């Protein structure tokens, strides 16, 4: 703790598809006194991190 406030040392963002093929997101913070804490669960997101990675790979390939 610094000045009575918790320190968030890291943030983890996960995206996944559930069994119904809905894309979801989960956010976790690592807080100095409590460890990993779930901050948010976000249903029905339009784009997953994997989708963004695939899009970036296509855009970064050199064209001949």
C-alpha atoms as a PDB file:
ATOM      1  CA  UNK A   1       0.000   0.000   0.000  1.00  0.00           C
ATOM      2  CA  UNK A   2       1.156   3.473  -0.837  1.00  0.00           C
ATOM      3  CA  UNK A   3      -0.535   6.448   0.851  1.00  0.00           C
ATOM      4  CA  UNK A   4      -3.451   4.223   1.894  1.00  0.00           C
ATOM      5  CA  UNK A   5      -4.132   3.046  -1.679  1.00  0.00           C
ATOM      6  CA  UNK A   6      -3.714  -0.442  -3.069  1.00  0.00           C
ATOM      7  CA  UNK A   7      -1.075  -0.967  -5.717  1.00  0.00           C
ATOM      8  CA  UNK A   8      -2.162  -2.686  -8.914  1.00  0.00           C
ATOM      9  CA  UNK A   9       1.007  -4.323 -10.182  1.00  0.00           C
ATOM     10  CA  UNK A  10      -0.354  -6.050 -13.281  1.00  0.00           C
ATOM     11  CA  UNK A  11      -3.511  -6.371 -15.378  1.00  0.00           C
ATOM     12  CA  UNK A  12      -4.436  -9.532 -17.262  1.00  0.00           C
ATOM     13  CA  UNK A  13      -6.991  -9.410 -20.078  1.00  0.00           C
ATOM     14  CA  UNK A  14      -8.391 -12.671 -21.427  1.00  0.00           C
ATOM     15  CA  UNK A  15     -10.812 -13.262 -24.270  1.00  0.00           C
ATOM     16  CA  UNK A  16     -12.451 -16.557 -25.122  1.00  0.00           C
ATOM     17  CA  UNK A  17     -15.394 -18.194 -26.887  1.00  0.00           C
ATOM     18  CA  UNK A  18     -17.908 -20.077 -24.766  1.00  0.00           C
ATOM     19  CA  UNK A  19     -19.622 -23.293 -25.876  1.00  0.00           C
ATOM     20  CA  UNK A  20     -22.280 -21.229 -27.671  1.00  0.00           C
ATOM     21  CA  UNK A  21     -19.558 -19.405 -29.672  1.00  0.00           C
ATOM     22  CA  UNK A  22     -20.169 -16.090 -27.872  1.00  0.00           C
ATOM     23  CA  UNK A  23     -17.005 -14.069 -27.355  1.00  0.00           C
ATOM     24  CA  UNK A  24     -16.353 -13.062 -23.754  1.00  0.00           C
ATOM     25  CA  UNK A  25     -13.688 -11.048 -21.941  1.00  0.00           C
ATOM     26  CA  UNK A  26     -12.348 -11.239 -18.403  1.00  0.00           C
ATOM     27  CA  UNK A  27     -10.116  -8.679 -16.671  1.00  0.00           C
ATOM     28  CA  UNK A  28      -7.981  -9.425 -13.617  1.00  0.00           C
ATOM     29  CA  UNK A  29      -5.748  -7.118 -11.584  1.00  0.00           C
ATOM     30  CA  UNK A  30      -2.870  -8.286  -9.409  1.00  0.00           C
ATOM     31  CA  UNK A  31      -3.212  -6.215  -6.239  1.00  0.00           C
ATOM     32  CA  UNK A  32      -0.274  -6.119  -3.837  1.00  0.00           C
ATOM     33  CA  UNK A  33      -2.191  -7.267  -0.726  1.00  0.00           C
ATOM     34  CA  UNK A  34      -4.737  -9.652  -2.254  1.00  0.00           C
ATOM     35  CA  UNK A  35      -3.214 -11.256  -5.349  1.00  0.00           C
ATOM     36  CA  UNK A  36      -5.329 -11.754  -8.482  1.00  0.00           C
ATOM     37  CA  UNK A  37      -8.777 -10.158  -8.327  1.00  0.00           C
ATOM     38  CA  UNK A  38     -11.463 -10.370 -11.000  1.00  0.00           C
ATOM     39  CA  UNK A  39     -12.272  -6.817 -12.088  1.00  0.00           C
ATOM     40  CA  UNK A  40     -14.759  -7.410 -14.906  1.00  0.00           C
ATOM     41  CA  UNK A  41     -16.494 -10.120 -16.913  1.00  0.00           C
ATOM     42  CA  UNK A  42     -17.730  -8.719 -20.220  1.00  0.00           C
ATOM     43  CA  UNK A  43     -20.174 -10.765 -22.321  1.00  0.00           C
ATOM     44  CA  UNK A  44     -20.699 -10.618 -26.094  1.00  0.00           C
ATOM     45  CA  UNK A  45     -17.662  -8.642 -27.176  1.00  0.00           C
ATOM     46  CA  UNK A  46     -17.440  -8.050 -30.959  1.00  0.00           C
ATOM     47  CA  UNK A  47     -13.732  -8.916 -31.397  1.00  0.00           C
ATOM     48  CA  UNK A  48     -11.422 -11.193 -29.419  1.00  0.00           C
ATOM     49  CA  UNK A  49      -7.703 -10.657 -28.885  1.00  0.00           C
ATOM     50  CA  UNK A  50      -7.095 -13.580 -31.250  1.00  0.00           C
ATOM     51  CA  UNK A  51      -9.153 -11.825 -33.962  1.00  0.00           C
ATOM     52  CA  UNK A  52      -7.056  -8.691 -33.520  1.00  0.00           C
ATOM     53  CA  UNK A  53      -3.840 -10.710 -33.691  1.00  0.00           C
ATOM     54  CA  UNK A  54      -4.922 -12.410 -36.926  1.00  0.00           C
ATOM     55  CA  UNK A  55      -5.858  -9.045 -38.442  1.00  0.00           C
ATOM     56  CA  UNK A  56      -2.478  -7.584 -37.470  1.00  0.00           C
ATOM     57  CA  UNK A  57      -0.649 -10.572 -38.999  1.00  0.00           C
ATOM     58  CA  UNK A  58      -2.442 -10.061 -42.317  1.00  0.00           C
ATOM     59  CA  UNK A  59      -1.658  -6.336 -42.323  1.00  0.00           C
ATOM     60  CA  UNK A  60       2.014  -6.795 -41.465  1.00  0.00           C
ATOM     61  CA  UNK A  61       2.862  -9.262 -44.267  1.00  0.00           C
ATOM     62  CA  UNK A  62       4.883  -7.726 -47.059  1.00  0.00           C
ATOM     63  CA  UNK A  63       3.143  -7.662 -50.431  1.00  0.00           C
ATOM     64  CA  UNK A  64       5.000  -8.623 -53.573  1.00  0.00           C
END
